[in-house]
Amino acid sequence: MTATGVFTHLRDTKGMEDMKGKKVTLSSGEAAEMLGVSRETVSRLARQGLLPATRLGGSRARYRFRPADVLELASASGQR
C-alpha cells in the first residue's frame, strides 16, 4: 500500500472516530491491511517489539495498534 493509500485507508476506516475521548486503535487485521502483510505477521511484529501494541486479555493473543505506529513502521520499511 502506498503512503497515500495508507492515509486514505485511515480516513475511510469506519469506527475510528474518537467521539468520547477514547483512544483510537486498529485491529490486527486493519494493521495488516495497511502494511500489506498477514495478521500473523502483524502479531509476530508485536511480539518481537517491532510494532508497539496493546495486548488484550483472554486466551488468544489479540492486539490493538495506534495508527501512528503502523504508519511509522510502513514508512520505515519503505512502503510509499
PDB file of N, CA and C in Angstrom:
ATOM      1  N   MET A   1       0.848  -1.163   0.000  1.00  0.00           N
ATOM      2  CA  MET A   1       0.000   0.000   0.000  1.00  0.00           C
ATOM      3  C   MET A   1       0.897   1.230   0.000  1.00  0.00           C
ATOM      4  N   THR A   2       0.595   2.192  -0.796  1.00  0.00           N
ATOM      5  CA  THR A   2       1.373   3.413  -0.851  1.00  0.00           C
ATOM      6  C   THR A   2       1.059   4.282   0.363  1.00  0.00           C
ATOM      7  N   ALA A   3       1.930   5.265   0.616  1.00  0.00           N
ATOM      8  CA  ALA A   3       1.685   6.165   1.744  1.00  0.00           C
ATOM      9  C   ALA A   3       0.348   6.870   1.568  1.00  0.00           C
ATOM     10  N   THR A   4       0.051   7.282   0.345  1.00  0.00           N
ATOM     11  CA  THR A   4      -1.242   7.917   0.084  1.00  0.00           C
ATOM     12  C   THR A   4      -2.366   6.939   0.361  1.00  0.00           C
ATOM     13  N   GLY A   5      -2.186   5.691  -0.026  1.00  0.00           N
ATOM     14  CA  GLY A   5      -3.193   4.666   0.226  1.00  0.00           C
ATOM     15  C   GLY A   5      -3.403   4.431   1.704  1.00  0.00           C
ATOM     16  N   VAL A   6      -2.327   4.482   2.481  1.00  0.00           N
ATOM     17  CA  VAL A   6      -2.431   4.297   3.931  1.00  0.00           C
ATOM     18  C   VAL A   6      -3.267   5.419   4.527  1.00  0.00           C
ATOM     19  N   PHE A   7      -2.992   6.670   4.129  1.00  0.00           N
ATOM     20  CA  PHE A   7      -3.756   7.796   4.659  1.00  0.00           C
ATOM     21  C   PHE A   7      -5.211   7.724   4.225  1.00  0.00           C
ATOM     22  N   THR A   8      -5.453   7.310   2.998  1.00  0.00           N
ATOM     23  CA  THR A   8      -6.826   7.146   2.527  1.00  0.00           C
ATOM     24  C   THR A   8      -7.523   6.081   3.340  1.00  0.00           C
ATOM     25  N   HIS A   9      -6.820   4.976   3.618  1.00  0.00           N
ATOM     26  CA  HIS A   9      -7.399   3.905   4.421  1.00  0.00           C
ATOM     27  C   HIS A   9      -7.769   4.426   5.808  1.00  0.00           C
ATOM     28  N   LEU A  10      -6.867   5.194   6.416  1.00  0.00           N
ATOM     29  CA  LEU A  10      -7.163   5.732   7.741  1.00  0.00           C
ATOM     30  C   LEU A  10      -8.387   6.632   7.713  1.00  0.00           C
ATOM     31  N   ARG A  11      -8.491   7.453   6.687  1.00  0.00           N
ATOM     32  CA  ARG A  11      -9.615   8.375   6.589  1.00  0.00           C
ATOM     33  C   ARG A  11     -10.919   7.621   6.374  1.00  0.00           C
ATOM     34  N   ASP A  12     -10.855   6.525   5.611  1.00  0.00           N
ATOM     35  CA  ASP A  12     -12.063   5.812   5.242  1.00  0.00           C
ATOM     36  C   ASP A  12     -12.461   4.706   6.218  1.00  0.00           C
ATOM     37  N   THR A  13     -11.608   4.387   7.186  1.00  0.00           N
ATOM     38  CA  THR A  13     -11.909   3.306   8.115  1.00  0.00           C
ATOM     39  C   THR A  13     -13.037   3.715   9.048  1.00  0.00           C
ATOM     40  N   LYS A  14     -14.078   2.927   9.080  1.00  0.00           N
ATOM     41  CA  LYS A  14     -15.230   3.219   9.940  1.00  0.00           C
ATOM     42  C   LYS A  14     -14.902   2.860  11.384  1.00  0.00           C
ATOM     43  N   GLY A  15     -15.496   3.560  12.297  1.00  0.00           N
ATOM     44  CA  GLY A  15     -15.346   3.240  13.709  1.00  0.00           C
ATOM     45  C   GLY A  15     -14.077   3.754  14.337  1.00  0.00           C
ATOM     46  N   MET A  16     -13.308   4.580  13.641  1.00  0.00           N
ATOM     47  CA  MET A  16     -12.055   5.063  14.201  1.00  0.00           C
ATOM     48  C   MET A  16     -12.191   6.428  14.849  1.00  0.00           C
ATOM     49  N   GLU A  17     -13.350   7.046  14.750  1.00  0.00           N
ATOM     50  CA  GLU A  17     -13.525   8.373  15.304  1.00  0.00           C
ATOM     51  C   GLU A  17     -13.439   8.332  16.818  1.00  0.00           C
ATOM     52  N   ASP A  18     -12.830   9.341  17.386  1.00  0.00           N
ATOM     53  CA  ASP A  18     -12.653   9.437  18.823  1.00  0.00           C
ATOM     54  C   ASP A  18     -13.699  10.394  19.379  1.00  0.00           C
ATOM     55  N   MET A  19     -14.940   9.934  19.466  1.00  0.00           N
ATOM     56  CA  MET A  19     -16.048  10.790  19.847  1.00  0.00           C
ATOM     57  C   MET A  19     -16.212  10.933  21.372  1.00  0.00           C
ATOM     58  N   LYS A  20     -15.688   9.982  22.143  1.00  0.00           N
ATOM     59  CA  LYS A  20     -15.906  10.008  23.590  1.00  0.00           C
ATOM     60  C   LYS A  20     -14.597  10.057  24.374  1.00  0.00           C
ATOM     61  N   GLY A  21     -13.539  10.542  23.744  1.00  0.00           N
ATOM     62  CA  GLY A  21     -12.255  10.640  24.427  1.00  0.00           C
ATOM     63  C   GLY A  21     -11.521   9.329  24.553  1.00  0.00           C
ATOM     64  N   LYS A  22     -11.990   8.304  23.875  1.00  0.00           N
ATOM     65  CA  LYS A  22     -11.319   7.009  23.934  1.00  0.00           C
ATOM     66  C   LYS A  22     -10.184   6.978  22.914  1.00  0.00           C
ATOM     67  N   LYS A  23      -9.176   6.162  23.210  1.00  0.00           N
ATOM     68  CA  LYS A  23      -8.067   6.025  22.280  1.00  0.00           C
ATOM     69  C   LYS A  23      -8.543   5.317  21.020  1.00  0.00           C
ATOM     70  N   VAL A  24      -8.040   5.776  19.911  1.00  0.00           N
ATOM     71  CA  VAL A  24      -8.385   5.178  18.632  1.00  0.00           C
ATOM     72  C   VAL A  24      -7.318   4.137  18.318  1.00  0.00           C
ATOM     73  N   THR A  25      -7.756   2.918  18.048  1.00  0.00           N
ATOM     74  CA  THR A  25      -6.811   1.845  17.752  1.00  0.00           C
ATOM     75  C   THR A  25      -7.261   1.049  16.547  1.00  0.00           C
ATOM     76  N   LEU A  26      -6.326   0.267  16.032  1.00  0.00           N
ATOM     77  CA  LEU A  26      -6.585  -0.614  14.901  1.00  0.00           C
ATOM     78  C   LEU A  26      -6.487  -2.064  15.358  1.00  0.00           C
ATOM     79  N   SER A  27      -7.271  -2.915  14.736  1.00  0.00           N
ATOM     80  CA  SER A  27      -7.158  -4.348  14.993  1.00  0.00           C
ATOM     81  C   SER A  27      -5.955  -4.896  14.230  1.00  0.00           C
ATOM     82  N   SER A  28      -5.596  -6.135  14.510  1.00  0.00           N
ATOM     83  CA  SER A  28      -4.500  -6.781  13.776  1.00  0.00           C
ATOM     84  C   SER A  28      -4.811  -6.847  12.290  1.00  0.00           C
ATOM     85  N   GLY A  29      -6.052  -7.121  11.956  1.00  0.00           N
ATOM     86  CA  GLY A  29      -6.447  -7.205  10.552  1.00  0.00           C
ATOM     87  C   GLY A  29      -6.327  -5.871   9.833  1.00  0.00           C
ATOM     88  N   GLU A  30      -6.743  -4.787  10.506  1.00  0.00           N
ATOM     89  CA  GLU A  30      -6.637  -3.459   9.910  1.00  0.00           C
ATOM     90  C   GLU A  30      -5.176  -3.053   9.728  1.00  0.00           C
ATOM     91  N   ALA A  31      -4.357  -3.327  10.748  1.00  0.00           N
ATOM     92  CA  ALA A  31      -2.930  -3.011  10.652  1.00  0.00           C
ATOM     93  C   ALA A  31      -2.278  -3.832   9.544  1.00  0.00           C
ATOM     94  N   ALA A  32      -2.661  -5.102   9.434  1.00  0.00           N
ATOM     95  CA  ALA A  32      -2.103  -5.969   8.396  1.00  0.00           C
ATOM     96  C   ALA A  32      -2.457  -5.450   7.006  1.00  0.00           C
ATOM     97  N   GLU A  33      -3.688  -5.015   6.842  1.00  0.00           N
ATOM     98  CA  GLU A  33      -4.117  -4.484   5.542  1.00  0.00           C
ATOM     99  C   GLU A  33      -3.316  -3.236   5.180  1.00  0.00           C
ATOM    100  N   MET A  34      -3.095  -2.377   6.147  1.00  0.00           N
ATOM    101  CA  MET A  34      -2.334  -1.158   5.890  1.00  0.00           C
ATOM    102  C   MET A  34      -0.890  -1.461   5.515  1.00  0.00           C
ATOM    103  N   LEU A  35      -0.318  -2.492   6.135  1.00  0.00           N
ATOM    104  CA  LEU A  35       1.076  -2.840   5.884  1.00  0.00           C
ATOM    105  C   LEU A  35       1.250  -3.800   4.709  1.00  0.00           C
ATOM    106  N   GLY A  36       0.154  -4.383   4.245  1.00  0.00           N
ATOM    107  CA  GLY A  36       0.241  -5.336   3.141  1.00  0.00           C
ATOM    108  C   GLY A  36       0.826  -6.671   3.555  1.00  0.00           C
ATOM    109  N   VAL A  37       0.562  -7.065   4.796  1.00  0.00           N
ATOM    110  CA  VAL A  37       1.049  -8.339   5.328  1.00  0.00           C
ATOM    111  C   VAL A  37      -0.116  -9.086   5.970  1.00  0.00           C
ATOM    112  N   SER A  38       0.150 -10.286   6.471  1.00  0.00           N
ATOM    113  CA  SER A  38      -0.897 -11.078   7.119  1.00  0.00           C
ATOM    114  C   SER A  38      -1.067 -10.653   8.576  1.00  0.00           C
ATOM    115  N   ARG A  39      -2.197 -11.041   9.163  1.00  0.00           N
ATOM    116  CA  ARG A  39      -2.422 -10.773  10.590  1.00  0.00           C
ATOM    117  C   ARG A  39      -1.375 -11.476  11.443  1.00  0.00           C
ATOM    118  N   GLU A  40      -0.974 -12.658  11.015  1.00  0.00           N
ATOM    119  CA  GLU A  40       0.045 -13.393  11.759  1.00  0.00           C
ATOM    120  C   GLU A  40       1.357 -12.617  11.796  1.00  0.00           C
ATOM    121  N   THR A  41       1.722 -11.984  10.672  1.00  0.00           N
ATOM    122  CA  THR A  41       2.947 -11.187  10.626  1.00  0.00           C
ATOM    123  C   THR A  41       2.845  -9.999  11.567  1.00  0.00           C
ATOM    124  N   VAL A  42       1.696  -9.343  11.592  1.00  0.00           N
ATOM    125  CA  VAL A  42       1.495  -8.205  12.492  1.00  0.00           C
ATOM    126  C   VAL A  42       1.621  -8.662  13.945  1.00  0.00           C
ATOM    127  N   SER A  43       1.031  -9.789  14.292  1.00  0.00           N
ATOM    128  CA  SER A  43       1.139 -10.311  15.656  1.00  0.00           C
ATOM    129  C   SER A  43       2.582 -10.649  15.995  1.00  0.00           C
ATOM    130  N   ARG A  44       3.310 -11.207  15.048  1.00  0.00           N
ATOM    131  CA  ARG A  44       4.719 -11.535  15.276  1.00  0.00           C
ATOM    132  C   ARG A  44       5.532 -10.256  15.498  1.00  0.00           C
ATOM    133  N   LEU A  45       5.273  -9.221  14.692  1.00  0.00           N
ATOM    134  CA  LEU A  45       5.962  -7.947  14.867  1.00  0.00           C
ATOM    135  C   LEU A  45       5.686  -7.359  16.249  1.00  0.00           C
ATOM    136  N   ALA A  46       4.459  -7.508  16.722  1.00  0.00           N
ATOM    137  CA  ALA A  46       4.105  -7.029  18.059  1.00  0.00           C
ATOM    138  C   ALA A  46       4.840  -7.829  19.136  1.00  0.00           C
ATOM    139  N   ARG A  47       4.853  -9.141  19.008  1.00  0.00           N
ATOM    140  CA  ARG A  47       5.546  -9.990  19.999  1.00  0.00           C
ATOM    141  C   ARG A  47       7.034  -9.672  20.047  1.00  0.00           C
ATOM    142  N   GLN A  48       7.617  -9.365  18.888  1.00  0.00           N
ATOM    143  CA  GLN A  48       9.050  -9.073  18.809  1.00  0.00           C
ATOM    144  C   GLN A  48       9.383  -7.640  19.217  1.00  0.00           C
ATOM    145  N   GLY A  49       8.349  -6.832  19.481  1.00  0.00           N
ATOM    146  CA  GLY A  49       8.571  -5.457  19.886  1.00  0.00           C
ATOM    147  C   GLY A  49       8.872  -4.513  18.738  1.00  0.00           C
ATOM    148  N   LEU A  50       8.674  -4.956  17.514  1.00  0.00           N
ATOM    149  CA  LEU A  50       8.942  -4.121  16.348  1.00  0.00           C
ATOM    150  C   LEU A  50       7.770  -3.218  15.990  1.00  0.00           C
ATOM    151  N   LEU A  51       6.599  -3.551  16.482  1.00  0.00           N
ATOM    152  CA  LEU A  51       5.398  -2.749  16.277  1.00  0.00           C
ATOM    153  C   LEU A  51       4.714  -2.601  17.637  1.00  0.00           C
ATOM    154  N   PRO A  52       4.764  -1.399  18.216  1.00  0.00           N
ATOM    155  CA  PRO A  52       4.136  -1.206  19.535  1.00  0.00           C
ATOM    156  C   PRO A  52       2.662  -1.594  19.508  1.00  0.00           C
ATOM    157  N   ALA A  53       2.240  -2.292  20.554  1.00  0.00           N
ATOM    158  CA  ALA A  53       0.862  -2.784  20.601  1.00  0.00           C
ATOM    159  C   ALA A  53       0.389  -2.884  22.042  1.00  0.00           C
ATOM    160  N   THR A  54      -0.922  -2.901  22.175  1.00  0.00           N
ATOM    161  CA  THR A  54      -1.559  -3.188  23.452  1.00  0.00           C
ATOM    162  C   THR A  54      -2.158  -4.571  23.338  1.00  0.00           C
ATOM    163  N   ARG A  55      -1.803  -5.442  24.264  1.00  0.00           N
ATOM    164  CA  ARG A  55      -2.336  -6.802  24.229  1.00  0.00           C
ATOM    165  C   ARG A  55      -3.623  -6.847  25.033  1.00  0.00           C
ATOM    166  N   LEU A  56      -4.631  -7.426  24.430  1.00  0.00           N
ATOM    167  CA  LEU A  56      -5.912  -7.581  25.107  1.00  0.00           C
ATOM    168  C   LEU A  56      -5.914  -8.863  25.914  1.00  0.00           C
ATOM    169  N   GLY A  57      -6.703  -8.905  26.967  1.00  0.00           N
ATOM    170  CA  GLY A  57      -6.783 -10.086  27.804  1.00  0.00           C
ATOM    171  C   GLY A  57      -7.490 -11.232  27.096  1.00  0.00           C
ATOM    172  N   GLY A  58      -7.444 -12.382  27.697  1.00  0.00           N
ATOM    173  CA  GLY A  58      -8.091 -13.553  27.127  1.00  0.00           C
ATOM    174  C   GLY A  58      -7.073 -14.605  26.730  1.00  0.00           C
ATOM    175  N   SER A  59      -7.581 -15.730  26.270  1.00  0.00           N
ATOM    176  CA  SER A  59      -6.705 -16.845  25.942  1.00  0.00           C
ATOM    177  C   SER A  59      -5.995 -16.675  24.608  1.00  0.00           C
ATOM    178  N   ARG A  60      -6.558 -15.873  23.723  1.00  0.00           N
ATOM    179  CA  ARG A  60      -5.920 -15.638  22.434  1.00  0.00           C
ATOM    180  C   ARG A  60      -5.064 -14.375  22.501  1.00  0.00           C
ATOM    181  N   ALA A  61      -3.981 -14.397  21.742  1.00  0.00           N
ATOM    182  CA  ALA A  61      -3.122 -13.211  21.676  1.00  0.00           C
ATOM    183  C   ALA A  61      -3.758 -12.212  20.712  1.00  0.00           C
ATOM    184  N   ARG A  62      -4.473 -11.235  21.282  1.00  0.00           N
ATOM    185  CA  ARG A  62      -5.107 -10.207  20.461  1.00  0.00           C
ATOM    186  C   ARG A  62      -4.464  -8.876  20.789  1.00  0.00           C
ATOM    187  N   TYR A  63      -4.218  -8.101  19.745  1.00  0.00           N
ATOM    188  CA  TYR A  63      -3.523  -6.832  19.904  1.00  0.00           C
ATOM    189  C   TYR A  63      -4.332  -5.692  19.310  1.00  0.00           C
ATOM    190  N   ARG A  64      -4.046  -4.486  19.784  1.00  0.00           N
ATOM    191  CA  ARG A  64      -4.566  -3.266  19.190  1.00  0.00           C
ATOM    192  C   ARG A  64      -3.376  -2.345  18.948  1.00  0.00           C
ATOM    193  N   PHE A  65      -3.465  -1.580  17.864  1.00  0.00           N
ATOM    194  CA  PHE A  65      -2.342  -0.765  17.416  1.00  0.00           C
ATOM    195  C   PHE A  65      -2.769   0.677  17.206  1.00  0.00           C
ATOM    196  N   ARG A  66      -1.878   1.609  17.522  1.00  0.00           N
ATOM    197  CA  ARG A  66      -2.126   3.018  17.227  1.00  0.00           C
ATOM    198  C   ARG A  66      -1.834   3.256  15.747  1.00  0.00           C
ATOM    199  N   PRO A  67      -2.692   3.968  15.049  1.00  0.00           N
ATOM    200  CA  PRO A  67      -2.448   4.240  13.627  1.00  0.00           C
ATOM    201  C   PRO A  67      -1.079   4.879  13.375  1.00  0.00           C
ATOM    202  N   ALA A  68      -0.646   5.779  14.257  1.00  0.00           N
ATOM    203  CA  ALA A  68       0.652   6.440  14.077  1.00  0.00           C
ATOM    204  C   ALA A  68       1.797   5.429  14.081  1.00  0.00           C
ATOM    205  N   ASP A  69       1.706   4.399  14.930  1.00  0.00           N
ATOM    206  CA  ASP A  69       2.755   3.383  14.984  1.00  0.00           C
ATOM    207  C   ASP A  69       2.788   2.544  13.709  1.00  0.00           C
ATOM    208  N   VAL A  70       1.608   2.236  13.191  1.00  0.00           N
ATOM    209  CA  VAL A  70       1.532   1.458  11.949  1.00  0.00           C
ATOM    210  C   VAL A  70       2.097   2.289  10.795  1.00  0.00           C
ATOM    211  N   LEU A  71       1.743   3.567  10.747  1.00  0.00           N
ATOM    212  CA  LEU A  71       2.267   4.451   9.695  1.00  0.00           C
ATOM    213  C   LEU A  71       3.781   4.583   9.786  1.00  0.00           C
ATOM    214  N   GLU A  72       4.300   4.679  11.004  1.00  0.00           N
ATOM    215  CA  GLU A  72       5.745   4.796  11.185  1.00  0.00           C
ATOM    216  C   GLU A  72       6.457   3.545  10.684  1.00  0.00           C
ATOM    217  N   LEU A  73       5.922   2.374  10.995  1.00  0.00           N
ATOM    218  CA  LEU A  73       6.524   1.141  10.512  1.00  0.00           C
ATOM    219  C   LEU A  73       6.447   1.051   9.000  1.00  0.00           C
ATOM    220  N   ALA A  74       5.321   1.447   8.422  1.00  0.00           N
ATOM    221  CA  ALA A  74       5.177   1.435   6.975  1.00  0.00           C
ATOM    222  C   ALA A  74       6.200   2.357   6.330  1.00  0.00           C
ATOM    223  N   SER A  75       6.396   3.516   6.912  1.00  0.00           N
ATOM    224  CA  SER A  75       7.362   4.482   6.390  1.00  0.00           C
ATOM    225  C   SER A  75       8.790   3.961   6.519  1.00  0.00           C
ATOM    226  N   ALA A  76       9.096   3.373   7.676  1.00  0.00           N
ATOM    227  CA  ALA A  76      10.443   2.851   7.922  1.00  0.00           C
ATOM    228  C   ALA A  76      10.769   1.667   7.026  1.00  0.00           C
ATOM    229  N   SER A  77       9.745   0.901   6.650  1.00  0.00           N
ATOM    230  CA  SER A  77      10.005  -0.272   5.811  1.00  0.00           C
ATOM    231  C   SER A  77       9.980   0.080   4.325  1.00  0.00           C
ATOM    232  N   GLY A  78       9.830   1.365   4.028  1.00  0.00           N
ATOM    233  CA  GLY A  78       9.917   1.803   2.645  1.00  0.00           C
ATOM    234  C   GLY A  78       8.644   1.674   1.839  1.00  0.00           C
ATOM    235  N   GLN A  79       7.518   1.516   2.482  1.00  0.00           N
ATOM    236  CA  GLN A  79       6.246   1.425   1.761  1.00  0.00           C
ATOM    237  C   GLN A  79       5.782   2.837   1.444  1.00  0.00           C
ATOM    238  N   ARG A  80       5.844   3.184   0.168  1.00  0.00           N
ATOM    239  CA  ARG A  80       5.441   4.535  -0.248  1.00  0.00           C
ATOM    240  C   ARG A  80       4.572   4.469  -1.439  1.00  0.00           C
TER     241      ARG A  80
END
